[in-house]
PDB file of N, CA and C in Angstrom:
ATOM      1  N   MET A   1     108.743 120.270 121.223  1.00  0.00           N
ATOM      2  CA  MET A   1     108.768 118.899 120.725  1.00  0.00           C
ATOM      3  C   MET A   1     108.012 117.980 121.673  1.00  0.00           C
ATOM      4  N   GLU A   2     107.392 116.995 121.098  1.00  0.00           N
ATOM      5  CA  GLU A   2     106.698 116.008 121.912  1.00  0.00           C
ATOM      6  C   GLU A   2     107.696 114.964 122.397  1.00  0.00           C
ATOM      7  N   ASP A   3     107.302 114.227 123.420  1.00  0.00           N
ATOM      8  CA  ASP A   3     108.193 113.215 123.992  1.00  0.00           C
ATOM      9  C   ASP A   3     108.655 112.199 122.957  1.00  0.00           C
ATOM     10  N   ALA A   4     107.745 111.751 122.105  1.00  0.00           N
ATOM     11  CA  ALA A   4     108.099 110.749 121.092  1.00  0.00           C
ATOM     12  C   ALA A   4     109.142 111.301 120.127  1.00  0.00           C
ATOM     13  N   GLU A   5     109.015 112.578 119.778  1.00  0.00           N
ATOM     14  CA  GLU A   5     109.985 113.193 118.864  1.00  0.00           C
ATOM     15  C   GLU A   5     111.362 113.283 119.510  1.00  0.00           C
ATOM     16  N   ILE A   6     111.389 113.585 120.791  1.00  0.00           N
ATOM     17  CA  ILE A   6     112.659 113.691 121.511  1.00  0.00           C
ATOM     18  C   ILE A   6     113.345 112.335 121.571  1.00  0.00           C
ATOM     19  N   VAL A   7     112.589 111.303 121.911  1.00  0.00           N
ATOM     20  CA  VAL A   7     113.150 109.950 121.986  1.00  0.00           C
ATOM     21  C   VAL A   7     113.664 109.522 120.617  1.00  0.00           C
ATOM     22  N   PHE A   8     112.888 109.820 119.563  1.00  0.00           N
ATOM     23  CA  PHE A   8     113.299 109.459 118.209  1.00  0.00           C
ATOM     24  C   PHE A   8     114.591 110.179 117.828  1.00  0.00           C
ATOM     25  N   ALA A   9     114.686 111.464 118.149  1.00  0.00           N
ATOM     26  CA  ALA A   9     115.897 112.234 117.849  1.00  0.00           C
ATOM     27  C   ALA A   9     117.095 111.669 118.603  1.00  0.00           C
ATOM     28  N   GLN A  10     116.890 111.260 119.839  1.00  0.00           N
ATOM     29  CA  GLN A  10     117.974 110.670 120.620  1.00  0.00           C
ATOM     30  C   GLN A  10     118.431 109.353 120.005  1.00  0.00           C
ATOM     31  N   LYS A  11     117.503 108.574 119.488  1.00  0.00           N
ATOM     32  CA  LYS A  11     117.875 107.303 118.857  1.00  0.00           C
ATOM     33  C   LYS A  11     118.653 107.545 117.574  1.00  0.00           C
ATOM     34  N   LEU A  12     118.242 108.567 116.791  1.00  0.00           N
ATOM     35  CA  LEU A  12     118.980 108.893 115.568  1.00  0.00           C
ATOM     36  C   LEU A  12     120.393 109.363 115.890  1.00  0.00           C
ATOM     37  N   ALA A  13     120.563 110.036 117.018  1.00  0.00           N
ATOM     38  CA  ALA A  13     121.865 110.565 117.409  1.00  0.00           C
ATOM     39  C   ALA A  13     122.686 109.558 118.212  1.00  0.00           C
ATOM     40  N   SER A  14     122.134 108.394 118.446  1.00  0.00           N
ATOM     41  CA  SER A  14     122.790 107.383 119.271  1.00  0.00           C
ATOM     42  C   SER A  14     124.138 106.956 118.698  1.00  0.00           C
ATOM     43  N   GLY A  15     125.036 106.609 119.585  1.00  0.00           N
ATOM     44  CA  GLY A  15     126.346 106.117 119.174  1.00  0.00           C
ATOM     45  C   GLY A  15     126.327 104.637 118.822  1.00  0.00           C
ATOM     46  N   GLU A  16     125.214 103.969 119.121  1.00  0.00           N
ATOM     47  CA  GLU A  16     125.110 102.539 118.839  1.00  0.00           C
ATOM     48  C   GLU A  16     124.569 102.329 117.425  1.00  0.00           C
ATOM     49  N   PRO A  17     125.338 101.660 116.573  1.00  0.00           N
ATOM     50  CA  PRO A  17     124.914 101.466 115.183  1.00  0.00           C
ATOM     51  C   PRO A  17     123.558 100.773 115.030  1.00  0.00           C
ATOM     52  N   VAL A  18     123.274  99.780 115.862  1.00  0.00           N
ATOM     53  CA  VAL A  18     122.015  99.044 115.744  1.00  0.00           C
ATOM     54  C   VAL A  18     120.832  99.968 116.055  1.00  0.00           C
ATOM     55  N   THR A  19     120.960 100.771 117.096  1.00  0.00           N
ATOM     56  CA  THR A  19     119.893 101.694 117.477  1.00  0.00           C
ATOM     57  C   THR A  19     119.656 102.723 116.385  1.00  0.00           C
ATOM     58  N   ARG A  20     120.743 103.263 115.840  1.00  0.00           N
ATOM     59  CA  ARG A  20     120.632 104.246 114.748  1.00  0.00           C
ATOM     60  C   ARG A  20     119.978 103.634 113.519  1.00  0.00           C
ATOM     61  N   LYS A  21     120.391 102.417 113.192  1.00  0.00           N
ATOM     62  CA  LYS A  21     119.855 101.747 111.997  1.00  0.00           C
ATOM     63  C   LYS A  21     118.355 101.507 112.142  1.00  0.00           C
ATOM     64  N   ARG A  22     117.921 101.089 113.324  1.00  0.00           N
ATOM     65  CA  ARG A  22     116.487 100.871 113.553  1.00  0.00           C
ATOM     66  C   ARG A  22     115.707 102.180 113.433  1.00  0.00           C
ATOM     67  N   ALA A  23     116.258 103.251 113.989  1.00  0.00           N
ATOM     68  CA  ALA A  23     115.586 104.552 113.908  1.00  0.00           C
ATOM     69  C   ALA A  23     115.505 105.023 112.462  1.00  0.00           C
ATOM     70  N   LEU A  24     116.566 104.830 111.694  1.00  0.00           N
ATOM     71  CA  LEU A  24     116.554 105.223 110.285  1.00  0.00           C
ATOM     72  C   LEU A  24     115.547 104.403 109.491  1.00  0.00           C
ATOM     73  N   ARG A  25     115.458 103.124 109.806  1.00  0.00           N
ATOM     74  CA  ARG A  25     114.494 102.264 109.116  1.00  0.00           C
ATOM     75  C   ARG A  25     113.068 102.728 109.426  1.00  0.00           C
ATOM     76  N   THR A  26     112.819 103.085 110.675  1.00  0.00           N
ATOM     77  CA  THR A  26     111.505 103.591 111.069  1.00  0.00           C
ATOM     78  C   THR A  26     111.177 104.877 110.321  1.00  0.00           C
ATOM     79  N   LEU A  27     112.153 105.781 110.240  1.00  0.00           N
ATOM     80  CA  LEU A  27     111.963 107.038 109.515  1.00  0.00           C
ATOM     81  C   LEU A  27     111.694 106.774 108.037  1.00  0.00           C
ATOM     82  N   HIS A  28     112.450 105.875 107.453  1.00  0.00           N
ATOM     83  CA  HIS A  28     112.294 105.535 106.038  1.00  0.00           C
ATOM     84  C   HIS A  28     110.900 104.975 105.769  1.00  0.00           C
ATOM     85  N   ASP A  29     110.456 104.063 106.629  1.00  0.00           N
ATOM     86  CA  ASP A  29     109.124 103.475 106.468  1.00  0.00           C
ATOM     87  C   ASP A  29     108.036 104.538 106.594  1.00  0.00           C
ATOM     88  N   TRP A  30     108.199 105.470 107.539  1.00  0.00           N
ATOM     89  CA  TRP A  30     107.216 106.533 107.739  1.00  0.00           C
ATOM     90  C   TRP A  30     107.159 107.452 106.516  1.00  0.00           C
ATOM     91  N   ILE A  31     108.321 107.804 105.982  1.00  0.00           N
ATOM     92  CA  ILE A  31     108.366 108.666 104.797  1.00  0.00           C
ATOM     93  C   ILE A  31     107.677 107.976 103.622  1.00  0.00           C
ATOM     94  N   ARG A  32     107.944 106.695 103.443  1.00  0.00           N
ATOM     95  CA  ARG A  32     107.296 105.939 102.369  1.00  0.00           C
ATOM     96  C   ARG A  32     105.781 105.942 102.517  1.00  0.00           C
ATOM     97  N   LYS A  33     105.315 105.695 103.751  1.00  0.00           N
ATOM     98  CA  LYS A  33     103.884 105.651 104.017  1.00  0.00           C
ATOM     99  C   LYS A  33     103.242 107.014 103.752  1.00  0.00           C
ATOM    100  N   GLU A  34     103.875 108.075 104.214  1.00  0.00           N
ATOM    101  CA  GLU A  34     103.344 109.424 104.006  1.00  0.00           C
ATOM    102  C   GLU A  34     103.335 109.793 102.525  1.00  0.00           C
ATOM    103  N   SER A  35     104.380 109.425 101.817  1.00  0.00           N
ATOM    104  CA  SER A  35     104.459 109.728 100.386  1.00  0.00           C
ATOM    105  C   SER A  35     103.364 108.991  99.618  1.00  0.00           C
ATOM    106  N   ALA A  36     103.132 107.748  99.985  1.00  0.00           N
ATOM    107  CA  ALA A  36     102.112 106.955  99.305  1.00  0.00           C
ATOM    108  C   ALA A  36     100.717 107.516  99.574  1.00  0.00           C
ATOM    109  N   SER A  37     100.471 107.963 100.795  1.00  0.00           N
ATOM    110  CA  SER A  37      99.137 108.465 101.125  1.00  0.00           C
ATOM    111  C   SER A  37      98.876 109.827 100.484  1.00  0.00           C
ATOM    112  N   LYS A  38      99.895 110.620 100.276  1.00  0.00           N
ATOM    113  CA  LYS A  38      99.714 111.928  99.638  1.00  0.00           C
ATOM    114  C   LYS A  38      99.606 111.795  98.130  1.00  0.00           C
ATOM    115  N   GLY A  39     100.164 110.737  97.580  1.00  0.00           N
ATOM    116  CA  GLY A  39     100.115 110.516  96.145  1.00  0.00           C
ATOM    117  C   GLY A  39      98.780 109.962  95.677  1.00  0.00           C
ATOM    118  N   SER A  40      97.995 109.429  96.600  1.00  0.00           N
ATOM    119  CA  SER A  40      96.712 108.811  96.230  1.00  0.00           C
ATOM    120  C   SER A  40      95.646 109.845  95.981  1.00  0.00           C
TER     121      SER A  40
END
């Protein structure tokens, strides 16, 4: 795993709700962007 992936995984596993929510929002936005680019 790359450093960015490790940090992202740690944020998703965080016990702090705000940190988890931000990480989930980032993941959601990335999935949307990837889905849109593959659909074009």
